[in-house]
PDB file of N, CA and C in Angstrom:
ATOM      1  N   UNK A   1     -55.896 155.325   5.908  1.00  0.00           N
ATOM      2  CA  UNK A   1     -57.104 154.643   5.944  1.00  0.00           C
ATOM      3  C   UNK A   1     -57.979 154.656   7.212  1.00  0.00           C
ATOM      4  N   UNK A   2     -59.287 154.494   6.652  1.00  0.00           N
ATOM      5  CA  UNK A   2     -60.288 154.832   7.508  1.00  0.00           C
ATOM      6  C   UNK A   2     -60.743 153.441   8.069  1.00  0.00           C
ATOM      7  N   UNK A   3     -61.609 153.357   9.445  1.00  0.00           N
ATOM      8  CA  UNK A   3     -62.058 152.371   9.757  1.00  0.00           C
ATOM      9  C   UNK A   3     -63.419 152.203   9.743  1.00  0.00           C
ATOM     10  N   UNK A   4     -63.975 151.218   9.568  1.00  0.00           N
ATOM     11  CA  UNK A   4     -65.318 150.808   9.490  1.00  0.00           C
ATOM     12  C   UNK A   4     -66.146 149.812  10.499  1.00  0.00           C
ATOM     13  N   UNK A   5     -67.279 150.312  10.835  1.00  0.00           N
ATOM     14  CA  UNK A   5     -67.766 149.297  12.093  1.00  0.00           C
ATOM     15  C   UNK A   5     -68.340 148.146  11.187  1.00  0.00           C
ATOM     16  N   UNK A   6     -67.587 147.276  10.884  1.00  0.00           N
ATOM     17  CA  UNK A   6     -68.115 146.085  10.214  1.00  0.00           C
ATOM     18  C   UNK A   6     -67.619 144.906  10.983  1.00  0.00           C
ATOM     19  N   UNK A   7     -68.375 143.847  11.307  1.00  0.00           N
ATOM     20  CA  UNK A   7     -67.910 142.432  11.595  1.00  0.00           C
ATOM     21  C   UNK A   7     -67.827 141.426  10.513  1.00  0.00           C
ATOM     22  N   UNK A   8     -66.541 140.861  10.212  1.00  0.00           N
ATOM     23  CA  UNK A   8     -66.474 139.987   9.397  1.00  0.00           C
ATOM     24  C   UNK A   8     -66.289 138.476   9.880  1.00  0.00           C
ATOM     25  N   UNK A   9     -66.870 137.747   9.397  1.00  0.00           N
ATOM     26  CA  UNK A   9     -66.828 136.281  10.201  1.00  0.00           C
ATOM     27  C   UNK A   9     -65.403 135.730   9.685  1.00  0.00           C
ATOM     28  N   UNK A  10     -64.989 134.595   9.978  1.00  0.00           N
ATOM     29  CA  UNK A  10     -63.795 133.818   9.687  1.00  0.00           C
ATOM     30  C   UNK A  10     -64.227 133.570   7.948  1.00  0.00           C
ATOM     31  N   UNK A  11     -65.242 133.305   7.644  1.00  0.00           N
ATOM     32  CA  UNK A  11     -65.479 132.544   6.384  1.00  0.00           C
ATOM     33  C   UNK A  11     -65.613 133.667   5.298  1.00  0.00           C
ATOM     34  N   UNK A  12     -66.076 134.902   5.594  1.00  0.00           N
ATOM     35  CA  UNK A  12     -65.998 136.214   4.893  1.00  0.00           C
ATOM     36  C   UNK A  12     -64.448 136.496   4.810  1.00  0.00           C
ATOM     37  N   UNK A  13     -63.776 136.421   5.947  1.00  0.00           N
ATOM     38  CA  UNK A  13     -62.362 136.985   5.862  1.00  0.00           C
ATOM     39  C   UNK A  13     -61.564 135.992   4.875  1.00  0.00           C
ATOM     40  N   UNK A  14     -61.826 134.598   4.882  1.00  0.00           N
ATOM     41  CA  UNK A  14     -61.048 133.810   4.102  1.00  0.00           C
ATOM     42  C   UNK A  14     -61.256 133.924   2.699  1.00  0.00           C
ATOM     43  N   UNK A  15     -62.542 134.293   2.200  1.00  0.00           N
ATOM     44  CA  UNK A  15     -63.227 134.397   1.097  1.00  0.00           C
ATOM     45  C   UNK A  15     -62.491 135.649   0.302  1.00  0.00           C
ATOM     46  N   UNK A  16     -62.375 136.989   1.088  1.00  0.00           N
ATOM     47  CA  UNK A  16     -61.863 137.865   0.556  1.00  0.00           C
ATOM     48  C   UNK A  16     -60.350 137.990   0.630  1.00  0.00           C
ATOM     49  N   UNK A  17     -59.690 137.203   1.356  1.00  0.00           N
ATOM     50  CA  UNK A  17     -58.315 137.106   1.584  1.00  0.00           C
ATOM     51  C   UNK A  17     -57.601 136.252   0.186  1.00  0.00           C
ATOM     52  N   UNK A  18     -58.362 135.295  -0.150  1.00  0.00           N
ATOM     53  CA  UNK A  18     -58.096 134.542  -1.268  1.00  0.00           C
ATOM     54  C   UNK A  18     -58.187 135.250  -2.692  1.00  0.00           C
ATOM     55  N   UNK A  19     -59.523 136.024  -2.826  1.00  0.00           N
ATOM     56  CA  UNK A  19     -59.967 136.726  -3.708  1.00  0.00           C
ATOM     57  C   UNK A  19     -58.762 137.838  -4.042  1.00  0.00           C
ATOM     58  N   UNK A  20     -58.323 138.334  -2.791  1.00  0.00           N
ATOM     59  CA  UNK A  20     -56.922 139.260  -3.181  1.00  0.00           C
ATOM     60  C   UNK A  20     -55.878 138.835  -3.460  1.00  0.00           C
ATOM     61  N   UNK A  21     -55.668 137.390  -2.888  1.00  0.00           N
ATOM     62  CA  UNK A  21     -54.320 136.925  -3.322  1.00  0.00           C
ATOM     63  C   UNK A  21     -54.101 136.432  -4.715  1.00  0.00           C
ATOM     64  N   UNK A  22     -55.435 135.623  -5.167  1.00  0.00           N
ATOM     65  CA  UNK A  22     -55.247 134.841  -6.619  1.00  0.00           C
ATOM     66  C   UNK A  22     -55.667 135.971  -7.595  1.00  0.00           C
ATOM     67  N   UNK A  23     -56.441 137.039  -7.360  1.00  0.00           N
ATOM     68  CA  UNK A  23     -56.778 138.055  -8.480  1.00  0.00           C
ATOM     69  C   UNK A  23     -56.396 139.381  -8.379  1.00  0.00           C
ATOM     70  N   UNK A  24     -55.662 139.694  -7.455  1.00  0.00           N
ATOM     71  CA  UNK A  24     -55.004 140.970  -7.030  1.00  0.00           C
ATOM     72  C   UNK A  24     -53.649 141.060  -6.801  1.00  0.00           C
ATOM     73  N   UNK A  25     -53.052 142.295  -7.134  1.00  0.00           N
ATOM     74  CA  UNK A  25     -51.674 142.322  -6.739  1.00  0.00           C
ATOM     75  C   UNK A  25     -51.238 143.141  -5.827  1.00  0.00           C
ATOM     76  N   UNK A  26     -50.040 143.537  -5.385  1.00  0.00           N
ATOM     77  CA  UNK A  26     -49.827 144.593  -4.460  1.00  0.00           C
ATOM     78  C   UNK A  26     -50.574 145.794  -4.252  1.00  0.00           C
ATOM     79  N   UNK A  27     -51.211 146.064  -3.316  1.00  0.00           N
ATOM     80  CA  UNK A  27     -52.111 147.313  -3.075  1.00  0.00           C
ATOM     81  C   UNK A  27     -53.428 146.953  -3.613  1.00  0.00           C
ATOM     82  N   UNK A  28     -53.746 145.867  -4.208  1.00  0.00           N
ATOM     83  CA  UNK A  28     -55.040 145.870  -4.501  1.00  0.00           C
ATOM     84  C   UNK A  28     -56.206 145.824  -3.413  1.00  0.00           C
ATOM     85  N   UNK A  29     -57.409 145.757  -3.630  1.00  0.00           N
ATOM     86  CA  UNK A  29     -58.541 145.630  -2.644  1.00  0.00           C
ATOM     87  C   UNK A  29     -59.674 145.342  -3.491  1.00  0.00           C
ATOM     88  N   UNK A  30     -60.410 145.235  -2.257  1.00  0.00           N
ATOM     89  CA  UNK A  30     -62.050 144.603  -2.665  1.00  0.00           C
ATOM     90  C   UNK A  30     -62.885 145.926  -3.010  1.00  0.00           C
ATOM     91  N   UNK A  31     -63.638 146.123  -4.274  1.00  0.00           N
ATOM     92  CA  UNK A  31     -64.506 146.937  -4.513  1.00  0.00           C
ATOM     93  C   UNK A  31     -65.993 146.149  -4.193  1.00  0.00           C
ATOM     94  N   UNK A  32     -66.454 146.824  -3.205  1.00  0.00           N
ATOM     95  CA  UNK A  32     -67.818 146.354  -2.738  1.00  0.00           C
ATOM     96  C   UNK A  32     -68.697 147.235  -2.696  1.00  0.00           C
ATOM     97  N   UNK A  33     -69.642 146.922  -3.514  1.00  0.00           N
ATOM     98  CA  UNK A  33     -70.857 147.915  -3.641  1.00  0.00           C
ATOM     99  C   UNK A  33     -72.160 147.027  -2.679  1.00  0.00           C
ATOM    100  N   UNK A  34     -72.507 147.524  -1.901  1.00  0.00           N
ATOM    101  CA  UNK A  34     -73.794 147.089  -1.084  1.00  0.00           C
ATOM    102  C   UNK A  34     -75.009 148.187  -1.437  1.00  0.00           C
ATOM    103  N   UNK A  35     -76.093 147.523  -1.872  1.00  0.00           N
ATOM    104  CA  UNK A  35     -77.374 148.383  -2.155  1.00  0.00           C
ATOM    105  C   UNK A  35     -78.431 147.336  -1.340  1.00  0.00           C
ATOM    106  N   UNK A  36     -79.390 148.220  -1.159  1.00  0.00           N
ATOM    107  CA  UNK A  36     -80.706 147.864  -0.698  1.00  0.00           C
ATOM    108  C   UNK A  36     -81.354 146.736  -1.618  1.00  0.00           C
ATOM    109  N   UNK A  37     -81.832 145.789  -0.735  1.00  0.00           N
ATOM    110  CA  UNK A  37     -82.568 144.687  -1.678  1.00  0.00           C
ATOM    111  C   UNK A  37     -82.214 143.546  -1.330  1.00  0.00           C
ATOM    112  N   UNK A  38     -82.459 142.232  -1.736  1.00  0.00           N
ATOM    113  CA  UNK A  38     -82.320 141.057  -1.576  1.00  0.00           C
ATOM    114  C   UNK A  38     -83.221 140.617  -0.390  1.00  0.00           C
ATOM    115  N   UNK A  39     -82.889 139.473   0.195  1.00  0.00           N
ATOM    116  CA  UNK A  39     -83.894 139.098   1.187  1.00  0.00           C
ATOM    117  C   UNK A  39     -83.378 139.200   2.539  1.00  0.00           C
ATOM    118  N   UNK A  40     -82.218 139.471   2.681  1.00  0.00           N
ATOM    119  CA  UNK A  40     -81.749 139.985   3.874  1.00  0.00           C
ATOM    120  C   UNK A  40     -81.570 141.576   4.167  1.00  0.00           C
ATOM    121  N   UNK A  41     -82.283 142.035   3.011  1.00  0.00           N
ATOM    122  CA  UNK A  41     -82.264 143.720   2.988  1.00  0.00           C
ATOM    123  C   UNK A  41     -80.859 144.474   2.373  1.00  0.00           C
ATOM    124  N   UNK A  42     -80.215 143.364   2.037  1.00  0.00           N
ATOM    125  CA  UNK A  42     -78.781 144.082   1.321  1.00  0.00           C
ATOM    126  C   UNK A  42     -78.206 143.291   0.375  1.00  0.00           C
ATOM    127  N   UNK A  43     -77.917 143.601  -0.812  1.00  0.00           N
ATOM    128  CA  UNK A  43     -77.269 142.822  -2.070  1.00  0.00           C
ATOM    129  C   UNK A  43     -76.239 143.750  -2.233  1.00  0.00           C
ATOM    130  N   UNK A  44     -75.272 142.375  -2.802  1.00  0.00           N
ATOM    131  CA  UNK A  44     -73.850 143.266  -3.258  1.00  0.00           C
ATOM    132  C   UNK A  44     -73.251 142.844  -4.506  1.00  0.00           C
ATOM    133  N   UNK A  45     -72.368 143.512  -5.030  1.00  0.00           N
ATOM    134  CA  UNK A  45     -71.412 143.304  -5.949  1.00  0.00           C
ATOM    135  C   UNK A  45     -70.093 143.526  -5.718  1.00  0.00           C
ATOM    136  N   UNK A  46     -69.129 142.735  -6.136  1.00  0.00           N
ATOM    137  CA  UNK A  46     -67.576 143.071  -5.485  1.00  0.00           C
ATOM    138  C   UNK A  46     -66.700 142.456  -6.818  1.00  0.00           C
ATOM    139  N   UNK A  47     -65.761 143.205  -6.982  1.00  0.00           N
ATOM    140  CA  UNK A  47     -64.518 142.990  -7.826  1.00  0.00           C
ATOM    141  C   UNK A  47     -63.625 143.140  -7.146  1.00  0.00           C
ATOM    142  N   UNK A  48     -62.154 142.851  -7.659  1.00  0.00           N
ATOM    143  CA  UNK A  48     -60.940 142.825  -7.037  1.00  0.00           C
ATOM    144  C   UNK A  48     -60.262 144.050  -8.102  1.00  0.00           C
ATOM    145  N   UNK A  49     -59.866 145.355  -7.533  1.00  0.00           N
ATOM    146  CA  UNK A  49     -59.502 146.251  -8.337  1.00  0.00           C
ATOM    147  C   UNK A  49     -57.945 146.826  -7.935  1.00  0.00           C
ATOM    148  N   UNK A  50     -57.322 147.320  -8.653  1.00  0.00           N
ATOM    149  CA  UNK A  50     -55.918 147.918  -8.331  1.00  0.00           C
ATOM    150  C   UNK A  50     -55.784 149.119  -7.368  1.00  0.00           C
ATOM    151  N   UNK A  51     -56.829 150.007  -7.740  1.00  0.00           N
ATOM    152  CA  UNK A  51     -57.003 150.888  -6.728  1.00  0.00           C
ATOM    153  C   UNK A  51     -58.343 151.411  -6.602  1.00  0.00           C
ATOM    154  N   UNK A  52     -58.737 152.340  -5.590  1.00  0.00           N
ATOM    155  CA  UNK A  52     -60.173 153.039  -5.533  1.00  0.00           C
ATOM    156  C   UNK A  52     -60.536 153.882  -6.572  1.00  0.00           C
ATOM    157  N   UNK A  53     -61.948 154.124  -7.132  1.00  0.00           N
ATOM    158  CA  UNK A  53     -62.572 154.839  -7.919  1.00  0.00           C
ATOM    159  C   UNK A  53     -62.548 156.117  -7.337  1.00  0.00           C
ATOM    160  N   UNK A  54     -62.671 157.069  -7.908  1.00  0.00           N
ATOM    161  CA  UNK A  54     -63.003 158.703  -7.420  1.00  0.00           C
ATOM    162  C   UNK A  54     -64.260 158.537  -6.785  1.00  0.00           C
ATOM    163  N   UNK A  55     -64.004 158.871  -5.300  1.00  0.00           N
ATOM    164  CA  UNK A  55     -65.246 159.014  -4.536  1.00  0.00           C
ATOM    165  C   UNK A  55     -65.286 157.936  -3.545  1.00  0.00           C
ATOM    166  N   UNK A  56     -64.188 156.818  -3.671  1.00  0.00           N
ATOM    167  CA  UNK A  56     -64.488 155.587  -2.718  1.00  0.00           C
ATOM    168  C   UNK A  56     -63.459 156.034  -1.644  1.00  0.00           C
ATOM    169  N   UNK A  57     -63.938 155.486  -0.576  1.00  0.00           N
ATOM    170  CA  UNK A  57     -62.977 155.536   0.519  1.00  0.00           C
ATOM    171  C   UNK A  57     -62.656 154.199   0.585  1.00  0.00           C
ATOM    172  N   UNK A  58     -61.090 154.111   1.273  1.00  0.00           N
ATOM    173  CA  UNK A  58     -60.502 152.773   1.712  1.00  0.00           C
ATOM    174  C   UNK A  58     -60.472 152.470   3.041  1.00  0.00           C
ATOM    175  N   UNK A  59     -60.830 151.482   3.178  1.00  0.00           N
ATOM    176  CA  UNK A  59     -60.666 150.608   4.428  1.00  0.00           C
ATOM    177  C   UNK A  59     -60.250 149.331   4.698  1.00  0.00           C
ATOM    178  N   UNK A  60     -59.524 149.383   5.776  1.00  0.00           N
ATOM    179  CA  UNK A  60     -58.624 148.116   5.806  1.00  0.00           C
ATOM    180  C   UNK A  60     -59.197 147.357   7.157  1.00  0.00           C
ATOM    181  N   UNK A  61     -58.932 145.812   6.875  1.00  0.00           N
ATOM    182  CA  UNK A  61     -59.393 144.793   8.061  1.00  0.00           C
ATOM    183  C   UNK A  61     -58.578 143.793   7.802  1.00  0.00           C
ATOM    184  N   UNK A  62     -57.643 143.583   8.692  1.00  0.00           N
ATOM    185  CA  UNK A  62     -56.708 142.662   8.922  1.00  0.00           C
ATOM    186  C   UNK A  62     -55.771 142.475   7.646  1.00  0.00           C
ATOM    187  N   UNK A  63     -55.495 143.665   7.088  1.00  0.00           N
ATOM    188  CA  UNK A  63     -54.383 143.770   6.096  1.00  0.00           C
ATOM    189  C   UNK A  63     -54.979 143.672   4.801  1.00  0.00           C
ATOM    190  N   UNK A  64     -56.352 143.380   4.883  1.00  0.00           N
ATOM    191  CA  UNK A  64     -57.181 143.567   3.450  1.00  0.00           C
ATOM    192  C   UNK A  64     -57.761 144.889   3.214  1.00  0.00           C
ATOM    193  N   UNK A  65     -57.778 145.633   2.057  1.00  0.00           N
ATOM    194  CA  UNK A  65     -58.024 146.735   1.437  1.00  0.00           C
ATOM    195  C   UNK A  65     -59.507 146.685   0.976  1.00  0.00           C
ATOM    196  N   UNK A  66     -60.289 147.435   1.459  1.00  0.00           N
ATOM    197  CA  UNK A  66     -62.042 147.439   0.980  1.00  0.00           C
ATOM    198  C   UNK A  66     -61.791 148.957   0.019  1.00  0.00           C
ATOM    199  N   UNK A  67     -62.421 148.834  -1.153  1.00  0.00           N
ATOM    200  CA  UNK A  67     -63.009 150.244  -1.927  1.00  0.00           C
ATOM    201  C   UNK A  67     -64.562 150.219  -1.565  1.00  0.00           C
ATOM    202  N   UNK A  68     -64.821 151.264  -0.890  1.00  0.00           N
ATOM    203  CA  UNK A  68     -66.316 151.454  -0.624  1.00  0.00           C
ATOM    204  C   UNK A  68     -66.761 152.666  -1.048  1.00  0.00           C
ATOM    205  N   UNK A  69     -67.926 152.727  -1.970  1.00  0.00           N
ATOM    206  CA  UNK A  69     -68.937 154.046  -2.393  1.00  0.00           C
ATOM    207  C   UNK A  69     -69.225 154.495  -1.086  1.00  0.00           C
ATOM    208  N   UNK A  70     -69.884 155.696  -1.165  1.00  0.00           N
ATOM    209  CA  UNK A  70     -70.437 156.486   0.029  1.00  0.00           C
ATOM    210  C   UNK A  70     -71.868 155.680   0.696  1.00  0.00           C
ATOM    211  N   UNK A  71     -72.555 154.872  -0.390  1.00  0.00           N
ATOM    212  CA  UNK A  71     -73.632 154.179  -0.089  1.00  0.00           C
ATOM    213  C   UNK A  71     -73.459 153.252   0.875  1.00  0.00           C
ATOM    214  N   UNK A  72     -72.376 152.343   0.185  1.00  0.00           N
ATOM    215  CA  UNK A  72     -72.004 151.001   0.821  1.00  0.00           C
ATOM    216  C   UNK A  72     -71.568 151.419   2.181  1.00  0.00           C
ATOM    217  N   UNK A  73     -70.815 152.428   2.542  1.00  0.00           N
ATOM    218  CA  UNK A  73     -70.232 152.510   3.896  1.00  0.00           C
ATOM    219  C   UNK A  73     -71.469 152.997   4.657  1.00  0.00           C
ATOM    220  N   UNK A  74     -72.641 153.737   4.282  1.00  0.00           N
ATOM    221  CA  UNK A  74     -73.891 153.798   5.233  1.00  0.00           C
ATOM    222  C   UNK A  74     -74.624 152.582   5.479  1.00  0.00           C
ATOM    223  N   UNK A  75     -74.585 151.777   4.527  1.00  0.00           N
ATOM    224  CA  UNK A  75     -75.611 150.504   4.685  1.00  0.00           C
ATOM    225  C   UNK A  75     -74.693 149.247   5.469  1.00  0.00           C
ATOM    226  N   UNK A  76     -73.105 149.372   5.461  1.00  0.00           N
ATOM    227  CA  UNK A  76     -72.787 148.321   6.264  1.00  0.00           C
ATOM    228  C   UNK A  76     -72.244 148.713   7.550  1.00  0.00           C
ATOM    229  N   UNK A  77     -72.322 150.146   8.067  1.00  0.00           N
ATOM    230  CA  UNK A  77     -72.307 150.635   9.435  1.00  0.00           C
ATOM    231  C   UNK A  77     -72.903 149.626  10.394  1.00  0.00           C
ATOM    232  N   UNK A  78     -72.173 148.854  11.202  1.00  0.00           N
ATOM    233  CA  UNK A  78     -72.823 147.835  12.289  1.00  0.00           C
ATOM    234  C   UNK A  78     -72.984 146.488  11.728  1.00  0.00           C
ATOM    235  N   UNK A  79     -72.883 146.296  10.574  1.00  0.00           N
ATOM    236  CA  UNK A  79     -73.285 145.060   9.926  1.00  0.00           C
ATOM    237  C   UNK A  79     -72.301 143.902  10.450  1.00  0.00           C
ATOM    238  N   UNK A  80     -72.725 142.683  10.325  1.00  0.00           N
ATOM    239  CA  UNK A  80     -71.930 141.626  10.056  1.00  0.00           C
ATOM    240  C   UNK A  80     -71.957 140.770   8.925  1.00  0.00           C
ATOM    241  N   UNK A  81     -70.705 140.641   8.155  1.00  0.00           N
ATOM    242  CA  UNK A  81     -70.677 139.954   6.970  1.00  0.00           C
ATOM    243  C   UNK A  81     -69.999 138.812   6.893  1.00  0.00           C
ATOM    244  N   UNK A  82     -70.918 137.782   6.700  1.00  0.00           N
ATOM    245  CA  UNK A  82     -70.514 136.486   6.548  1.00  0.00           C
ATOM    246  C   UNK A  82     -70.220 135.930   4.812  1.00  0.00           C
ATOM    247  N   UNK A  83     -69.888 134.850   4.669  1.00  0.00           N
ATOM    248  CA  UNK A  83     -69.561 134.327   3.114  1.00  0.00           C
ATOM    249  C   UNK A  83     -70.442 132.967   3.421  1.00  0.00           C
ATOM    250  N   UNK A  84     -71.076 132.552   2.257  1.00  0.00           N
ATOM    251  CA  UNK A  84     -71.697 131.048   2.436  1.00  0.00           C
ATOM    252  C   UNK A  84     -71.314 130.361   0.946  1.00  0.00           C
ATOM    253  N   UNK A  85     -71.343 129.179   1.122  1.00  0.00           N
ATOM    254  CA  UNK A  85     -71.192 128.544  -0.147  1.00  0.00           C
ATOM    255  C   UNK A  85     -71.718 127.223  -0.061  1.00  0.00           C
ATOM    256  N   UNK A  86     -73.000 127.131  -0.414  1.00  0.00           N
ATOM    257  CA  UNK A  86     -73.755 125.838  -0.295  1.00  0.00           C
ATOM    258  C   UNK A  86     -74.353 125.838  -1.748  1.00  0.00           C
ATOM    259  N   UNK A  87     -75.121 124.604  -1.925  1.00  0.00           N
ATOM    260  CA  UNK A  87     -75.858 124.151  -2.913  1.00  0.00           C
ATOM    261  C   UNK A  87     -76.931 125.123  -3.575  1.00  0.00           C
ATOM    262  N   UNK A  88     -77.355 126.029  -2.487  1.00  0.00           N
ATOM    263  CA  UNK A  88     -78.603 126.749  -2.643  1.00  0.00           C
ATOM    264  C   UNK A  88     -78.270 128.400  -3.162  1.00  0.00           C
ATOM    265  N   UNK A  89     -77.112 128.569  -2.443  1.00  0.00           N
ATOM    266  CA  UNK A  89     -76.677 130.175  -2.520  1.00  0.00           C
ATOM    267  C   UNK A  89     -74.839 130.241  -2.621  1.00  0.00           C
ATOM    268  N   UNK A  90     -74.484 131.073  -3.101  1.00  0.00           N
ATOM    269  CA  UNK A  90     -73.096 131.489  -2.739  1.00  0.00           C
ATOM    270  C   UNK A  90     -73.036 132.918  -2.621  1.00  0.00           C
ATOM    271  N   UNK A  91     -72.333 133.469  -1.551  1.00  0.00           N
ATOM    272  CA  UNK A  91     -72.267 134.772  -1.857  1.00  0.00           C
ATOM    273  C   UNK A  91     -72.028 135.472  -0.243  1.00  0.00           C
ATOM    274  N   UNK A  92     -72.114 136.771  -0.157  1.00  0.00           N
ATOM    275  CA  UNK A  92     -72.049 137.508   1.079  1.00  0.00           C
ATOM    276  C   UNK A  92     -73.309 137.443   1.932  1.00  0.00           C
ATOM    277  N   UNK A  93     -73.537 136.968   3.011  1.00  0.00           N
ATOM    278  CA  UNK A  93     -74.674 137.621   3.828  1.00  0.00           C
ATOM    279  C   UNK A  93     -74.366 138.605   4.681  1.00  0.00           C
ATOM    280  N   UNK A  94     -75.492 139.420   4.821  1.00  0.00           N
ATOM    281  CA  UNK A  94     -75.261 140.711   5.608  1.00  0.00           C
ATOM    282  C   UNK A  94     -76.165 140.342   6.794  1.00  0.00           C
ATOM    283  N   UNK A  95     -75.682 140.599   8.351  1.00  0.00           N
ATOM    284  CA  UNK A  95     -77.105 140.580   9.225  1.00  0.00           C
ATOM    285  C   UNK A  95     -76.696 141.903   9.913  1.00  0.00           C
ATOM    286  N   UNK A  96     -77.902 142.503   9.862  1.00  0.00           N
ATOM    287  CA  UNK A  96     -77.854 144.061  10.432  1.00  0.00           C
ATOM    288  C   UNK A  96     -78.794 143.641  11.699  1.00  0.00           C
ATOM    289  N   UNK A  97     -78.084 144.089  12.844  1.00  0.00           N
ATOM    290  CA  UNK A  97     -78.925 144.091  14.346  1.00  0.00           C
ATOM    291  C   UNK A  97     -79.987 144.903  14.274  1.00  0.00           C
ATOM    292  N   UNK A  98     -79.843 146.240  13.641  1.00  0.00           N
ATOM    293  CA  UNK A  98     -80.910 147.169  13.334  1.00  0.00           C
ATOM    294  C   UNK A  98     -82.621 146.653  12.755  1.00  0.00           C
ATOM    295  N   UNK A  99     -82.186 145.565  12.073  1.00  0.00           N
ATOM    296  CA  UNK A  99     -83.499 145.320  11.336  1.00  0.00           C
ATOM    297  C   UNK A  99     -83.863 143.702  11.507  1.00  0.00           C
ATOM    298  N   UNK A 100     -85.035 143.305  11.317  1.00  0.00           N
ATOM    299  CA  UNK A 100     -85.584 142.303  11.706  1.00  0.00           C
ATOM    300  C   UNK A 100     -85.155 141.149  10.333  1.00  0.00           C
ATOM    301  N   UNK A 101     -84.983 139.995  10.455  1.00  0.00           N
ATOM    302  CA  UNK A 101     -84.786 139.039   9.565  1.00  0.00           C
ATOM    303  C   UNK A 101     -86.380 138.991   8.624  1.00  0.00           C
ATOM    304  N   UNK A 102     -86.312 138.746   7.478  1.00  0.00           N
ATOM    305  CA  UNK A 102     -87.403 138.644   6.576  1.00  0.00           C
ATOM    306  C   UNK A 102     -88.063 137.398   6.818  1.00  0.00           C
ATOM    307  N   UNK A 103     -87.634 136.561   7.210  1.00  0.00           N
ATOM    308  CA  UNK A 103     -88.010 135.177   7.394  1.00  0.00           C
ATOM    309  C   UNK A 103     -87.834 134.413   6.107  1.00  0.00           C
ATOM    310  N   UNK A 104     -87.139 134.624   5.011  1.00  0.00           N
ATOM    311  CA  UNK A 104     -86.694 133.870   3.868  1.00  0.00           C
ATOM    312  C   UNK A 104     -86.126 132.761   4.329  1.00  0.00           C
ATOM    313  N   UNK A 105     -85.776 131.744   3.335  1.00  0.00           N
ATOM    314  CA  UNK A 105     -85.029 130.485   3.682  1.00  0.00           C
ATOM    315  C   UNK A 105     -83.832 130.951   3.444  1.00  0.00           C
ATOM    316  N   UNK A 106     -83.277 131.496   2.617  1.00  0.00           N
ATOM    317  CA  UNK A 106     -81.850 131.797   2.540  1.00  0.00           C
ATOM    318  C   UNK A 106     -81.603 133.558   2.628  1.00  0.00           C
ATOM    319  N   UNK A 107     -80.760 133.886   3.378  1.00  0.00           N
ATOM    320  CA  UNK A 107     -80.393 135.166   3.337  1.00  0.00           C
ATOM    321  C   UNK A 107     -79.236 135.666   2.325  1.00  0.00           C
ATOM    322  N   UNK A 108     -78.615 134.987   1.737  1.00  0.00           N
ATOM    323  CA  UNK A 108     -77.580 135.145   0.811  1.00  0.00           C
ATOM    324  C   UNK A 108     -78.248 136.187  -0.244  1.00  0.00           C
ATOM    325  N   UNK A 109     -77.071 137.201  -0.617  1.00  0.00           N
ATOM    326  CA  UNK A 109     -77.458 137.990  -1.446  1.00  0.00           C
ATOM    327  C   UNK A 109     -77.077 137.320  -2.643  1.00  0.00           C
ATOM    328  N   UNK A 110     -77.291 137.670  -3.938  1.00  0.00           N
ATOM    329  CA  UNK A 110     -76.777 136.859  -4.907  1.00  0.00           C
ATOM    330  C   UNK A 110     -75.577 137.653  -5.273  1.00  0.00           C
ATOM    331  N   UNK A 111     -74.724 136.928  -5.516  1.00  0.00           N
ATOM    332  CA  UNK A 111     -73.302 137.530  -5.744  1.00  0.00           C
ATOM    333  C   UNK A 111     -72.609 136.545  -6.966  1.00  0.00           C
ATOM    334  N   UNK A 112     -71.896 137.376  -7.725  1.00  0.00           N
ATOM    335  CA  UNK A 112     -71.120 136.465  -8.496  1.00  0.00           C
ATOM    336  C   UNK A 112     -69.996 135.550  -8.333  1.00  0.00           C
ATOM    337  N   UNK A 113     -69.614 134.547  -8.823  1.00  0.00           N
ATOM    338  CA  UNK A 113     -68.942 133.482  -8.288  1.00  0.00           C
ATOM    339  C   UNK A 113     -67.453 134.206  -8.779  1.00  0.00           C
ATOM    340  N   UNK A 114     -66.000 133.331  -8.492  1.00  0.00           N
ATOM    341  CA  UNK A 114     -64.998 133.962  -9.109  1.00  0.00           C
ATOM    342  C   UNK A 114     -64.674 134.048 -10.379  1.00  0.00           C
ATOM    343  N   UNK A 115     -65.886 133.563 -11.228  1.00  0.00           N
ATOM    344  CA  UNK A 115     -66.009 133.687 -12.542  1.00  0.00           C
ATOM    345  C   UNK A 115     -66.832 134.551 -13.228  1.00  0.00           C
ATOM    346  N   UNK A 116     -67.480 135.334 -12.197  1.00  0.00           N
ATOM    347  CA  UNK A 116     -68.321 136.410 -12.806  1.00  0.00           C
ATOM    348  C   UNK A 116     -69.837 136.241 -13.017  1.00  0.00           C
ATOM    349  N   UNK A 117     -69.889 134.785 -12.721  1.00  0.00           N
ATOM    350  CA  UNK A 117     -71.624 134.347 -12.833  1.00  0.00           C
ATOM    351  C   UNK A 117     -72.113 134.534 -11.686  1.00  0.00           C
ATOM    352  N   UNK A 118     -73.499 134.707 -11.789  1.00  0.00           N
ATOM    353  CA  UNK A 118     -74.457 134.890 -10.782  1.00  0.00           C
ATOM    354  C   UNK A 118     -74.906 133.609 -10.318  1.00  0.00           C
ATOM    355  N   UNK A 119     -75.275 133.176  -8.819  1.00  0.00           N
ATOM    356  CA  UNK A 119     -75.822 132.256  -8.294  1.00  0.00           C
ATOM    357  C   UNK A 119     -77.169 132.556  -7.812  1.00  0.00           C
TER     358      UNK A 119
END
């Protein structure tokens, strides 16, 4: 397994851990697709999968597996990943020290909740 230079907050770790525990089985991981966009500069889509797709690299963080396509690996390098769950937004928030904040009210990228709905 490879290592990725991403910092995860305790809130993000807890969310991913719960997803994998309740929606996955042994060896499952979180497929995380990150793309340029959203107020913070990054938007994400994620799902729990049994194995990586062709071309995805497997990364591990505190026993949790992540399946990342090449573009996601590049965009996540050096980024802090947080998870927020508020009335206004639910999803991953990415803070990249290499870019300036856009000044929006919320930096949370729209992400599906556990039932696949967008917030």
